[in-house]
C-alpha cells in the first residue's frame, strides 16, 4: 500500500467522521447534558461500534449486508427507530431550574451502561456508516489486497475515532461552553431532539 493511499484514507475517513451526523449530535447532546465521564462513555460506545464496522469490513461481511435488501433494510429501520427514540426523549426532557455556579448542574442521571449503549447503538445501527466504511475499503482495496493492508486501513479509521470523539467532548465540556449552554438549555435540548428525529426519518426513507 502506497503512502498516497494512506493519506487518502486518512483524509476521507476524517472528513466523514467530523461531518455532522447522528453520532456527532448524540455526543454533543450528552456532552452538554451529563458529566464528562458519561459523555466519554458515549464516545467509547461509538469507538467500539466503529471497531465492529472495521471487523466486518475486513471479513467481507459488509458486502453481504449492502447487497442483501432484507438485511440492509432491517439495519436501516432499526437505526431510524433508535434515532427517533433518542430525539423524542430529548424533546420530553424536563426543564431544570438550575443555574451555572462554577460547576454545571446536569440533567437527570444516566447509568454508565446507558451512556455507553447510546453511543454504541447510534453508530452500529447507522446504515450510512456501513456504506461509508465499505466505500473506503472498496476504493483502496481489491481482491488481491493482503490482510495486512485491510488491517492498516481499518486501524487508520479507528484511531481517528479514538482521538476525535473525546476531543468533541473536551470542547463541549469547557466551562465557557457549559455556561452559555445553561442559559438556553431548554431550547438546545429541544433543537437537538428535533435534529435526531429528522436524522432518523432521513435514515428510514433512505436519504
N, C-alpha and C. Protein backbone atom coordinates (compact mmCIF):
# COMPACT_ATOMS: atom_id res chain seq x y z
N UNK A 1 0.85 -1.20 0.00
CA UNK A 1 0.00 0.00 0.00
C UNK A 1 0.88 1.25 0.00
N UNK A 2 0.55 2.18 -0.91
CA UNK A 2 1.39 3.36 -1.06
C UNK A 2 1.08 4.41 0.00
N UNK A 3 2.01 5.35 0.14
CA UNK A 3 1.82 6.45 1.09
C UNK A 3 0.64 7.32 0.68
N UNK A 4 0.48 7.55 -0.63
CA UNK A 4 -0.64 8.35 -1.13
C UNK A 4 -1.98 7.72 -0.74
N UNK A 5 -2.03 6.41 -0.79
CA UNK A 5 -3.26 5.71 -0.41
C UNK A 5 -3.57 5.91 1.06
N UNK A 6 -2.55 5.84 1.89
CA UNK A 6 -2.74 6.06 3.33
C UNK A 6 -3.24 7.47 3.61
N UNK A 7 -2.70 8.45 2.91
CA UNK A 7 -3.15 9.84 3.07
C UNK A 7 -4.60 9.97 2.63
N UNK A 8 -4.94 9.33 1.52
CA UNK A 8 -6.32 9.37 1.01
C UNK A 8 -7.29 8.80 2.04
N UNK A 9 -6.96 7.65 2.59
CA UNK A 9 -7.82 7.02 3.60
C UNK A 9 -7.97 7.93 4.82
N UNK A 10 -6.86 8.50 5.25
CA UNK A 10 -6.87 9.36 6.44
C UNK A 10 -7.77 10.57 6.24
N UNK A 11 -7.65 11.22 5.08
CA UNK A 11 -8.42 12.44 4.83
C UNK A 11 -9.91 12.13 4.65
N UNK A 12 -10.22 11.15 3.82
CA UNK A 12 -11.63 10.83 3.55
C UNK A 12 -12.35 10.35 4.80
N UNK A 13 -11.72 9.48 5.57
CA UNK A 13 -12.38 8.95 6.76
C UNK A 13 -12.56 10.05 7.81
N UNK A 14 -11.58 10.95 7.91
CA UNK A 14 -11.68 12.02 8.90
C UNK A 14 -12.78 13.01 8.51
N UNK A 15 -12.86 13.34 7.23
CA UNK A 15 -13.91 14.25 6.78
C UNK A 15 -15.29 13.65 7.03
N UNK A 16 -15.41 12.35 6.80
CA UNK A 16 -16.68 11.69 7.08
C UNK A 16 -17.01 11.68 8.56
N UNK A 17 -15.99 11.53 9.38
CA UNK A 17 -16.18 11.46 10.83
C UNK A 17 -16.62 12.80 11.42
N UNK A 18 -16.04 13.88 10.91
CA UNK A 18 -16.33 15.19 11.51
C UNK A 18 -17.58 15.85 10.92
N UNK A 19 -18.10 15.30 9.83
CA UNK A 19 -19.32 15.87 9.26
C UNK A 19 -20.49 15.60 10.20
N UNK A 20 -21.33 16.60 10.46
CA UNK A 20 -22.43 16.43 11.42
C UNK A 20 -23.37 15.29 11.01
N UNK A 21 -23.57 14.38 11.92
CA UNK A 21 -24.46 13.25 11.70
C UNK A 21 -24.99 12.76 13.04
N UNK A 22 -25.64 11.60 13.07
CA UNK A 22 -26.21 11.08 14.32
C UNK A 22 -25.21 10.99 15.46
N UNK A 23 -24.02 10.47 15.18
CA UNK A 23 -23.01 10.33 16.24
C UNK A 23 -22.64 11.68 16.83
N UNK A 24 -22.41 12.65 15.95
CA UNK A 24 -21.99 13.97 16.42
C UNK A 24 -23.05 14.61 17.31
N UNK A 25 -24.30 14.56 16.87
CA UNK A 25 -25.35 15.21 17.65
C UNK A 25 -25.64 14.48 18.96
N UNK A 26 -25.46 13.16 18.97
CA UNK A 26 -25.63 12.42 20.22
C UNK A 26 -24.51 12.76 21.20
N UNK A 27 -23.26 12.74 20.73
CA UNK A 27 -22.13 13.09 21.60
C UNK A 27 -22.25 14.53 22.08
N UNK A 28 -22.69 15.41 21.19
CA UNK A 28 -22.92 16.81 21.57
C UNK A 28 -23.95 16.91 22.68
N UNK A 29 -25.09 16.22 22.50
CA UNK A 29 -26.16 16.26 23.49
C UNK A 29 -25.68 15.73 24.84
N UNK A 30 -24.99 14.60 24.85
CA UNK A 30 -24.55 14.01 26.11
C UNK A 30 -23.41 14.80 26.75
N UNK A 31 -22.61 15.46 25.93
CA UNK A 31 -21.54 16.31 26.47
C UNK A 31 -22.11 17.51 27.20
N UNK A 32 -23.22 18.04 26.67
CA UNK A 32 -23.86 19.19 27.29
C UNK A 32 -24.76 18.79 28.46
N UNK A 33 -25.31 17.58 28.40
CA UNK A 33 -26.34 17.19 29.37
C UNK A 33 -25.79 16.43 30.58
N UNK A 34 -24.66 15.77 30.43
CA UNK A 34 -24.14 14.92 31.50
C UNK A 34 -22.69 15.29 31.85
N UNK A 35 -22.16 14.64 32.87
CA UNK A 35 -20.79 14.92 33.24
C UNK A 35 -19.80 14.28 32.26
N UNK A 36 -18.53 14.59 32.43
CA UNK A 36 -17.53 14.16 31.46
C UNK A 36 -17.43 12.65 31.37
N UNK A 37 -17.56 11.96 32.49
CA UNK A 37 -17.45 10.50 32.47
C UNK A 37 -18.52 9.90 31.58
N UNK A 38 -19.77 10.36 31.72
CA UNK A 38 -20.85 9.80 30.92
C UNK A 38 -20.69 10.15 29.44
N UNK A 39 -20.22 11.37 29.17
CA UNK A 39 -20.00 11.77 27.78
C UNK A 39 -18.90 10.92 27.14
N UNK A 40 -17.85 10.65 27.90
CA UNK A 40 -16.75 9.83 27.37
C UNK A 40 -17.19 8.38 27.19
N UNK A 41 -18.10 7.91 28.03
CA UNK A 41 -18.62 6.56 27.84
C UNK A 41 -19.45 6.47 26.56
N UNK A 42 -20.15 7.55 26.24
CA UNK A 42 -20.87 7.59 24.97
C UNK A 42 -19.88 7.53 23.81
N UNK A 43 -18.77 8.28 23.93
CA UNK A 43 -17.70 8.23 22.93
C UNK A 43 -17.15 6.81 22.80
N UNK A 44 -16.94 6.17 23.93
CA UNK A 44 -16.41 4.81 23.92
C UNK A 44 -17.34 3.87 23.17
N UNK A 45 -18.65 4.07 23.35
CA UNK A 45 -19.61 3.26 22.62
C UNK A 45 -19.48 3.44 21.12
N UNK A 46 -19.32 4.70 20.68
CA UNK A 46 -19.13 4.99 19.25
C UNK A 46 -17.85 4.33 18.74
N UNK A 47 -16.78 4.46 19.52
CA UNK A 47 -15.47 3.93 19.11
C UNK A 47 -15.50 2.41 18.99
N UNK A 48 -16.17 1.74 19.94
CA UNK A 48 -16.28 0.28 19.88
C UNK A 48 -17.14 -0.13 18.68
N UNK A 49 -18.18 0.63 18.39
CA UNK A 49 -19.03 0.34 17.23
C UNK A 49 -18.24 0.47 15.93
N UNK A 50 -17.37 1.48 15.86
CA UNK A 50 -16.51 1.63 14.67
C UNK A 50 -15.62 0.41 14.52
N UNK A 51 -15.13 -0.10 15.65
CA UNK A 51 -14.30 -1.30 15.62
C UNK A 51 -15.08 -2.49 15.07
N UNK A 52 -16.37 -2.59 15.43
CA UNK A 52 -17.22 -3.65 14.88
C UNK A 52 -17.36 -3.49 13.36
N UNK A 53 -17.61 -2.24 12.92
CA UNK A 53 -17.69 -1.97 11.47
C UNK A 53 -16.41 -2.40 10.77
N UNK A 54 -15.26 -2.06 11.37
CA UNK A 54 -13.99 -2.41 10.76
C UNK A 54 -13.83 -3.93 10.67
N UNK A 55 -14.30 -4.63 11.69
CA UNK A 55 -14.15 -6.09 11.73
C UNK A 55 -14.91 -6.75 10.59
N UNK A 56 -16.17 -6.32 10.37
CA UNK A 56 -16.91 -6.99 9.30
C UNK A 56 -16.53 -6.48 7.91
N UNK A 57 -15.93 -5.28 7.84
CA UNK A 57 -15.39 -4.84 6.55
C UNK A 57 -14.19 -5.69 6.16
N UNK A 58 -13.34 -5.97 7.13
CA UNK A 58 -12.17 -6.82 6.88
C UNK A 58 -12.61 -8.23 6.48
N UNK A 59 -13.66 -8.72 7.14
CA UNK A 59 -14.14 -10.08 6.88
C UNK A 59 -14.95 -10.17 5.58
N UNK A 60 -15.33 -9.03 5.03
CA UNK A 60 -16.11 -9.05 3.79
C UNK A 60 -17.61 -9.13 4.00
N UNK A 61 -18.05 -9.09 5.25
CA UNK A 61 -19.48 -9.21 5.55
C UNK A 61 -20.23 -7.94 5.15
N UNK A 62 -19.53 -6.81 5.12
CA UNK A 62 -20.18 -5.55 4.75
C UNK A 62 -20.80 -5.63 3.36
N UNK A 63 -20.12 -6.34 2.45
CA UNK A 63 -20.66 -6.50 1.10
C UNK A 63 -21.96 -7.28 1.15
N UNK A 64 -22.01 -8.31 2.00
CA UNK A 64 -23.23 -9.10 2.14
C UNK A 64 -24.39 -8.25 2.66
N UNK A 65 -24.10 -7.39 3.65
CA UNK A 65 -25.15 -6.55 4.22
C UNK A 65 -25.71 -5.59 3.18
N UNK A 66 -24.82 -4.95 2.43
CA UNK A 66 -25.26 -3.93 1.49
C UNK A 66 -25.87 -4.51 0.22
N UNK A 67 -25.62 -5.78 -0.06
CA UNK A 67 -26.19 -6.40 -1.26
C UNK A 67 -27.39 -7.29 -0.95
N UNK A 68 -27.76 -7.37 0.33
CA UNK A 68 -28.94 -8.15 0.72
C UNK A 68 -30.00 -7.18 1.25
N UNK A 69 -31.01 -6.87 0.44
CA UNK A 69 -32.01 -5.86 0.82
C UNK A 69 -32.64 -6.10 2.19
N UNK A 70 -32.94 -7.36 2.52
CA UNK A 70 -33.60 -7.65 3.79
C UNK A 70 -32.71 -7.26 4.97
N UNK A 71 -31.44 -7.63 4.91
CA UNK A 71 -30.52 -7.31 5.99
C UNK A 71 -30.30 -5.80 6.08
N UNK A 72 -30.09 -5.19 4.92
CA UNK A 72 -29.83 -3.75 4.91
C UNK A 72 -31.03 -2.96 5.42
N UNK A 73 -32.24 -3.33 4.99
CA UNK A 73 -33.44 -2.62 5.44
C UNK A 73 -33.70 -2.83 6.93
N UNK A 74 -33.39 -4.02 7.42
CA UNK A 74 -33.55 -4.28 8.86
C UNK A 74 -32.63 -3.36 9.65
N UNK A 75 -31.40 -3.24 9.18
CA UNK A 75 -30.44 -2.34 9.84
C UNK A 75 -30.92 -0.90 9.74
N UNK A 76 -31.41 -0.51 8.58
CA UNK A 76 -31.84 0.87 8.35
C UNK A 76 -33.00 1.25 9.26
N UNK A 77 -34.01 0.39 9.35
CA UNK A 77 -35.18 0.72 10.16
C UNK A 77 -34.88 0.65 11.66
N UNK A 78 -34.00 -0.26 12.05
CA UNK A 78 -33.61 -0.33 13.46
C UNK A 78 -32.87 0.95 13.85
N UNK A 79 -31.96 1.39 12.98
CA UNK A 79 -31.23 2.62 13.26
C UNK A 79 -32.13 3.84 13.29
N UNK A 80 -33.08 3.91 12.35
CA UNK A 80 -34.01 5.04 12.30
C UNK A 80 -34.87 5.08 13.56
N UNK A 81 -35.36 3.93 13.98
CA UNK A 81 -36.20 3.86 15.18
C UNK A 81 -35.43 4.33 16.41
N UNK A 82 -34.17 3.92 16.50
CA UNK A 82 -33.36 4.29 17.67
C UNK A 82 -33.10 5.80 17.70
N UNK A 83 -32.79 6.38 16.55
CA UNK A 83 -32.54 7.83 16.50
C UNK A 83 -33.80 8.61 16.86
N UNK A 84 -34.94 8.17 16.34
CA UNK A 84 -36.21 8.85 16.66
C UNK A 84 -36.51 8.73 18.15
N UNK A 85 -36.23 7.58 18.72
CA UNK A 85 -36.47 7.38 20.16
C UNK A 85 -35.59 8.31 20.99
N UNK A 86 -34.31 8.46 20.60
CA UNK A 86 -33.43 9.38 21.31
C UNK A 86 -33.92 10.82 21.18
N UNK A 87 -34.41 11.17 19.99
CA UNK A 87 -34.93 12.51 19.77
C UNK A 87 -36.15 12.81 20.59
N UNK A 88 -37.06 11.84 20.68
CA UNK A 88 -38.27 12.02 21.48
C UNK A 88 -37.92 12.19 22.95
N UNK A 89 -36.94 11.40 23.42
CA UNK A 89 -36.50 11.55 24.82
C UNK A 89 -35.97 12.95 25.08
N UNK A 90 -35.21 13.49 24.12
CA UNK A 90 -34.67 14.84 24.29
C UNK A 90 -35.81 15.87 24.29
N UNK A 91 -36.81 15.68 23.45
CA UNK A 91 -37.94 16.61 23.39
C UNK A 91 -38.75 16.59 24.68
N UNK A 92 -38.84 15.42 25.30
CA UNK A 92 -39.65 15.27 26.51
C UNK A 92 -38.88 15.58 27.79
N UNK A 93 -37.58 15.89 27.66
CA UNK A 93 -36.77 16.19 28.85
C UNK A 93 -37.33 17.42 29.56
N UNK A 94 -37.38 17.34 30.87
CA UNK A 94 -37.92 18.43 31.68
C UNK A 94 -36.92 19.57 31.80
N UNK A 95 -37.43 20.78 31.83
CA UNK A 95 -36.58 21.94 32.06
C UNK A 95 -36.11 21.96 33.50
N UNK A 96 -34.82 22.18 33.69
CA UNK A 96 -34.26 22.19 35.03
C UNK A 96 -34.14 23.62 35.53
N UNK A 97 -34.57 23.85 36.74
CA UNK A 97 -34.45 25.19 37.34
C UNK A 97 -33.11 25.31 38.04
N UNK A 98 -32.04 25.35 37.23
CA UNK A 98 -30.69 25.40 37.78
C UNK A 98 -29.93 26.55 37.16
N UNK A 99 -28.88 26.93 37.82
CA UNK A 99 -28.00 27.98 37.29
C UNK A 99 -26.58 27.46 37.30
N UNK A 100 -25.75 28.07 36.52
CA UNK A 100 -24.34 27.68 36.45
C UNK A 100 -23.57 28.46 37.51
N UNK A 101 -23.05 27.74 38.49
CA UNK A 101 -22.25 28.38 39.54
C UNK A 101 -20.96 27.58 39.68
N UNK A 102 -19.97 27.93 38.87
CA UNK A 102 -18.70 27.22 38.92
C UNK A 102 -18.76 25.87 38.25
N UNK A 103 -19.77 25.07 38.60
CA UNK A 103 -19.95 23.76 38.01
C UNK A 103 -21.35 23.66 37.42
N UNK A 104 -21.51 22.98 36.30
CA UNK A 104 -22.84 22.83 35.74
C UNK A 104 -23.66 21.84 36.54
N UNK A 105 -24.95 22.10 36.66
CA UNK A 105 -25.85 21.16 37.31
C UNK A 105 -26.52 20.34 36.20
N UNK A 106 -26.11 19.11 36.07
CA UNK A 106 -26.53 18.32 34.93
C UNK A 106 -27.96 17.79 35.09
N UNK A 107 -28.54 17.40 33.95
CA UNK A 107 -29.90 16.90 33.93
C UNK A 107 -29.99 15.55 34.62
N UNK A 108 -31.17 14.92 34.55
CA UNK A 108 -31.41 13.67 35.26
C UNK A 108 -30.28 12.67 34.99
N UNK A 109 -29.91 11.89 36.02
CA UNK A 109 -28.77 10.99 35.87
C UNK A 109 -29.01 9.92 34.82
N UNK A 110 -27.91 9.42 34.28
CA UNK A 110 -27.95 8.33 33.31
C UNK A 110 -26.95 7.29 33.78
N UNK A 111 -27.25 6.02 33.59
CA UNK A 111 -26.34 4.98 34.03
C UNK A 111 -25.16 4.88 33.07
N UNK A 112 -24.07 4.32 33.56
CA UNK A 112 -22.88 4.16 32.73
C UNK A 112 -23.19 3.26 31.54
N UNK A 113 -23.97 2.21 31.78
CA UNK A 113 -24.33 1.29 30.70
C UNK A 113 -25.15 2.01 29.64
N UNK A 114 -26.10 2.83 30.06
CA UNK A 114 -26.95 3.55 29.10
C UNK A 114 -26.13 4.54 28.28
N UNK A 115 -25.20 5.24 28.93
CA UNK A 115 -24.35 6.20 28.23
C UNK A 115 -23.53 5.48 27.15
N UNK A 116 -22.97 4.33 27.51
CA UNK A 116 -22.17 3.56 26.55
C UNK A 116 -23.04 3.03 25.41
N UNK A 117 -24.19 2.42 25.76
CA UNK A 117 -25.03 1.80 24.75
C UNK A 117 -25.63 2.82 23.79
N UNK A 118 -25.88 4.03 24.26
CA UNK A 118 -26.39 5.06 23.35
C UNK A 118 -25.40 5.31 22.22
N UNK A 119 -24.14 5.49 22.57
CA UNK A 119 -23.12 5.71 21.54
C UNK A 119 -22.92 4.49 20.67
N UNK A 120 -22.89 3.32 21.29
CA UNK A 120 -22.65 2.07 20.56
C UNK A 120 -23.76 1.81 19.53
N UNK A 121 -25.01 1.88 19.97
CA UNK A 121 -26.13 1.57 19.08
C UNK A 121 -26.32 2.66 18.03
N UNK A 122 -26.08 3.91 18.40
CA UNK A 122 -26.24 5.01 17.45
C UNK A 122 -25.33 4.80 16.24
N UNK A 123 -24.09 4.43 16.48
CA UNK A 123 -23.16 4.21 15.38
C UNK A 123 -23.39 2.87 14.69
N UNK A 124 -23.58 1.83 15.47
CA UNK A 124 -23.69 0.48 14.91
C UNK A 124 -24.91 0.35 14.01
N UNK A 125 -26.03 0.98 14.38
CA UNK A 125 -27.27 0.83 13.63
C UNK A 125 -27.43 1.87 12.52
N UNK A 126 -26.39 2.64 12.28
CA UNK A 126 -26.45 3.64 11.23
C UNK A 126 -26.02 3.01 9.90
N UNK A 127 -26.95 2.76 8.98
CA UNK A 127 -26.58 2.10 7.72
C UNK A 127 -25.65 2.95 6.86
N UNK A 128 -25.71 4.27 7.06
CA UNK A 128 -24.81 5.13 6.29
C UNK A 128 -23.36 4.93 6.71
N UNK A 129 -23.16 4.57 7.96
CA UNK A 129 -21.79 4.26 8.42
C UNK A 129 -21.29 3.01 7.71
N UNK A 130 -22.17 2.01 7.58
CA UNK A 130 -21.80 0.79 6.87
C UNK A 130 -21.40 1.09 5.43
N UNK A 131 -22.23 1.88 4.75
CA UNK A 131 -21.95 2.23 3.35
C UNK A 131 -20.67 3.05 3.23
N UNK A 132 -20.48 3.98 4.17
CA UNK A 132 -19.30 4.85 4.11
C UNK A 132 -18.01 4.06 4.28
N UNK A 133 -17.97 3.21 5.30
CA UNK A 133 -16.77 2.42 5.54
C UNK A 133 -16.52 1.43 4.41
N UNK A 134 -17.60 0.84 3.89
CA UNK A 134 -17.44 -0.09 2.77
C UNK A 134 -16.90 0.64 1.54
N UNK A 135 -17.38 1.86 1.32
CA UNK A 135 -16.91 2.65 0.17
C UNK A 135 -15.41 2.90 0.27
N UNK A 136 -14.92 3.23 1.47
CA UNK A 136 -13.49 3.46 1.64
C UNK A 136 -12.70 2.20 1.33
N UNK A 137 -13.17 1.08 1.88
CA UNK A 137 -12.46 -0.19 1.66
C UNK A 137 -12.42 -0.56 0.18
N UNK A 138 -13.54 -0.41 -0.52
CA UNK A 138 -13.59 -0.81 -1.92
C UNK A 138 -12.81 0.16 -2.83
N UNK A 139 -12.63 1.40 -2.37
CA UNK A 139 -11.88 2.37 -3.16
C UNK A 139 -10.38 2.10 -3.13
N UNK A 140 -9.89 1.62 -2.02
CA UNK A 140 -8.43 1.48 -1.86
C UNK A 140 -7.96 0.03 -1.83
N UNK A 141 -8.89 -0.91 -1.74
CA UNK A 141 -8.52 -2.32 -1.67
C UNK A 141 -9.19 -3.10 -2.79
N UNK A 142 -8.66 -4.26 -3.09
CA UNK A 142 -9.26 -5.15 -4.08
C UNK A 142 -9.11 -6.59 -3.63
N UNK A 143 -9.48 -7.51 -4.49
CA UNK A 143 -9.45 -8.93 -4.12
C UNK A 143 -8.04 -9.42 -3.82
N UNK A 144 -7.05 -8.74 -4.39
CA UNK A 144 -5.65 -9.16 -4.18
C UNK A 144 -5.02 -8.52 -2.95
N UNK A 145 -5.72 -7.59 -2.31
CA UNK A 145 -5.16 -6.90 -1.15
C UNK A 145 -4.93 -7.87 0.00
N UNK A 146 -3.83 -7.68 0.68
CA UNK A 146 -3.50 -8.58 1.79
C UNK A 146 -4.29 -8.23 3.04
N UNK A 147 -4.29 -9.17 3.97
CA UNK A 147 -4.95 -8.93 5.26
C UNK A 147 -4.29 -7.75 5.99
N UNK A 148 -2.98 -7.62 5.83
CA UNK A 148 -2.26 -6.51 6.46
C UNK A 148 -2.75 -5.18 5.92
N UNK A 149 -2.96 -5.09 4.61
CA UNK A 149 -3.48 -3.85 4.02
C UNK A 149 -4.84 -3.50 4.60
N UNK A 150 -5.70 -4.49 4.74
CA UNK A 150 -7.04 -4.28 5.30
C UNK A 150 -6.94 -3.80 6.75
N UNK A 151 -6.03 -4.42 7.50
CA UNK A 151 -5.87 -4.04 8.90
C UNK A 151 -5.34 -2.61 9.02
N UNK A 152 -4.46 -2.21 8.11
CA UNK A 152 -3.92 -0.85 8.15
C UNK A 152 -5.02 0.17 7.89
N UNK A 153 -5.86 -0.08 6.88
CA UNK A 153 -6.97 0.82 6.58
C UNK A 153 -7.92 0.90 7.78
N UNK A 154 -8.25 -0.26 8.35
CA UNK A 154 -9.15 -0.29 9.50
C UNK A 154 -8.56 0.46 10.69
N UNK A 155 -7.26 0.30 10.91
CA UNK A 155 -6.61 0.96 12.05
C UNK A 155 -6.63 2.47 11.88
N UNK A 156 -6.37 2.96 10.68
CA UNK A 156 -6.38 4.41 10.42
C UNK A 156 -7.74 4.99 10.76
N UNK A 157 -8.79 4.35 10.27
CA UNK A 157 -10.15 4.84 10.51
C UNK A 157 -10.48 4.80 12.00
N UNK A 158 -10.11 3.70 12.65
CA UNK A 158 -10.46 3.53 14.06
C UNK A 158 -9.69 4.50 14.95
N UNK A 159 -8.40 4.67 14.68
CA UNK A 159 -7.59 5.52 15.55
C UNK A 159 -8.03 6.98 15.44
N UNK A 160 -8.52 7.38 14.27
CA UNK A 160 -9.05 8.74 14.14
C UNK A 160 -10.26 8.92 15.05
N UNK A 161 -11.11 7.89 15.14
CA UNK A 161 -12.25 7.95 16.04
C UNK A 161 -11.82 8.02 17.50
N UNK A 162 -10.76 7.30 17.84
CA UNK A 162 -10.25 7.29 19.21
C UNK A 162 -9.86 8.70 19.66
N UNK A 163 -9.31 9.48 18.76
CA UNK A 163 -8.89 10.84 19.10
C UNK A 163 -10.00 11.87 18.90
N UNK A 164 -10.81 11.69 17.86
CA UNK A 164 -11.79 12.72 17.51
C UNK A 164 -12.92 12.83 18.52
N UNK A 165 -13.53 11.72 18.92
CA UNK A 165 -14.72 11.81 19.76
C UNK A 165 -14.43 12.32 21.16
N UNK A 166 -13.36 11.91 21.83
CA UNK A 166 -13.03 12.56 23.12
C UNK A 166 -12.73 14.05 22.95
N UNK A 167 -12.17 14.44 21.80
CA UNK A 167 -11.91 15.85 21.55
C UNK A 167 -13.21 16.64 21.51
N UNK A 168 -14.25 16.07 20.89
CA UNK A 168 -15.57 16.72 20.84
C UNK A 168 -16.09 16.93 22.26
N UNK A 169 -15.95 15.89 23.10
CA UNK A 169 -16.38 16.01 24.49
C UNK A 169 -15.62 17.12 25.19
N UNK A 170 -14.31 17.17 24.99
CA UNK A 170 -13.49 18.18 25.64
C UNK A 170 -13.97 19.59 25.27
N UNK A 171 -14.28 19.80 24.00
CA UNK A 171 -14.72 21.12 23.54
C UNK A 171 -16.03 21.53 24.20
N UNK A 172 -16.99 20.62 24.22
CA UNK A 172 -18.31 20.98 24.72
C UNK A 172 -18.46 20.84 26.23
N UNK A 173 -17.40 20.33 26.88
CA UNK A 173 -17.41 20.29 28.34
C UNK A 173 -16.65 21.47 28.95
N UNK A 174 -16.14 22.34 28.12
CA UNK A 174 -15.45 23.52 28.64
C UNK A 174 -16.42 24.41 29.39
N UNK A 175 -15.95 25.05 30.46
CA UNK A 175 -16.82 25.87 31.29
C UNK A 175 -17.46 27.01 30.51
N UNK A 176 -16.72 27.59 29.58
CA UNK A 176 -17.28 28.70 28.80
C UNK A 176 -18.45 28.24 27.95
N UNK A 177 -18.32 27.03 27.38
CA UNK A 177 -19.42 26.48 26.57
C UNK A 177 -20.58 26.09 27.47
N UNK A 178 -20.29 25.43 28.59
CA UNK A 178 -21.34 24.99 29.51
C UNK A 178 -22.10 26.20 30.06
N UNK A 179 -21.39 27.27 30.36
CA UNK A 179 -22.04 28.45 30.93
C UNK A 179 -23.06 29.03 29.95
N UNK A 180 -22.70 29.09 28.69
CA UNK A 180 -23.64 29.60 27.68
C UNK A 180 -24.78 28.63 27.46
N UNK A 181 -24.45 27.33 27.49
CA UNK A 181 -25.49 26.32 27.25
C UNK A 181 -26.59 26.40 28.31
N UNK A 182 -26.21 26.55 29.56
CA UNK A 182 -27.21 26.52 30.63
C UNK A 182 -28.16 27.71 30.59
N UNK A 183 -27.78 28.74 29.86
CA UNK A 183 -28.69 29.88 29.70
C UNK A 183 -29.83 29.56 28.74
N UNK A 184 -29.55 28.66 27.80
CA UNK A 184 -30.57 28.32 26.79
C UNK A 184 -30.75 26.80 26.70
N UNK A 185 -30.56 26.12 27.83
CA UNK A 185 -30.59 24.65 27.87
C UNK A 185 -31.87 24.08 27.28
N UNK A 186 -33.01 24.62 27.69
CA UNK A 186 -34.29 24.07 27.27
C UNK A 186 -34.43 24.11 25.75
N UNK A 187 -34.01 25.23 25.16
CA UNK A 187 -34.12 25.40 23.71
C UNK A 187 -33.17 24.43 22.99
N UNK A 188 -31.94 24.32 23.48
CA UNK A 188 -30.95 23.45 22.85
C UNK A 188 -31.40 22.00 22.91
N UNK A 189 -31.93 21.57 24.05
CA UNK A 189 -32.41 20.19 24.18
C UNK A 189 -33.48 19.88 23.14
N UNK A 190 -34.42 20.83 22.97
CA UNK A 190 -35.49 20.61 22.00
C UNK A 190 -34.95 20.60 20.58
N UNK A 191 -34.00 21.49 20.29
CA UNK A 191 -33.42 21.56 18.96
C UNK A 191 -32.68 20.27 18.63
N UNK A 192 -31.89 19.77 19.57
CA UNK A 192 -31.17 18.52 19.35
C UNK A 192 -32.14 17.35 19.19
N UNK A 193 -33.24 17.38 19.94
CA UNK A 193 -34.27 16.35 19.79
C UNK A 193 -34.85 16.35 18.39
N UNK A 194 -35.15 17.53 17.87
CA UNK A 194 -35.71 17.65 16.52
C UNK A 194 -34.70 17.17 15.48
N UNK A 195 -33.41 17.50 15.68
CA UNK A 195 -32.37 17.08 14.74
C UNK A 195 -32.26 15.56 14.71
N UNK A 196 -32.26 14.93 15.89
CA UNK A 196 -32.16 13.47 15.95
C UNK A 196 -33.36 12.79 15.30
N UNK A 197 -34.56 13.34 15.53
CA UNK A 197 -35.76 12.78 14.90
C UNK A 197 -35.68 12.94 13.38
N UNK A 198 -35.24 14.11 12.93
CA UNK A 198 -35.11 14.36 11.49
C UNK A 198 -34.11 13.40 10.86
N UNK A 199 -32.99 13.18 11.53
CA UNK A 199 -32.00 12.24 11.03
C UNK A 199 -32.57 10.83 10.97
N UNK A 200 -33.36 10.46 11.98
CA UNK A 200 -33.99 9.15 11.99
C UNK A 200 -34.94 8.97 10.82
N UNK A 201 -35.73 10.00 10.53
CA UNK A 201 -36.66 9.94 9.40
C UNK A 201 -35.90 9.83 8.08
N UNK A 202 -34.80 10.59 7.97
CA UNK A 202 -33.99 10.54 6.75
C UNK A 202 -33.40 9.15 6.54
N UNK A 203 -32.94 8.52 7.63
CA UNK A 203 -32.40 7.17 7.54
C UNK A 203 -33.49 6.19 7.11
N UNK A 204 -34.68 6.33 7.70
CA UNK A 204 -35.78 5.43 7.38
C UNK A 204 -36.19 5.53 5.91
N UNK A 205 -36.14 6.76 5.38
CA UNK A 205 -36.55 7.00 3.99
C UNK A 205 -35.42 6.75 3.00
N UNK A 206 -34.21 6.48 3.54
CA UNK A 206 -33.09 6.16 2.67
C UNK A 206 -32.40 7.37 2.07
N UNK A 207 -32.58 8.56 2.67
CA UNK A 207 -31.95 9.77 2.14
C UNK A 207 -30.48 9.84 2.58
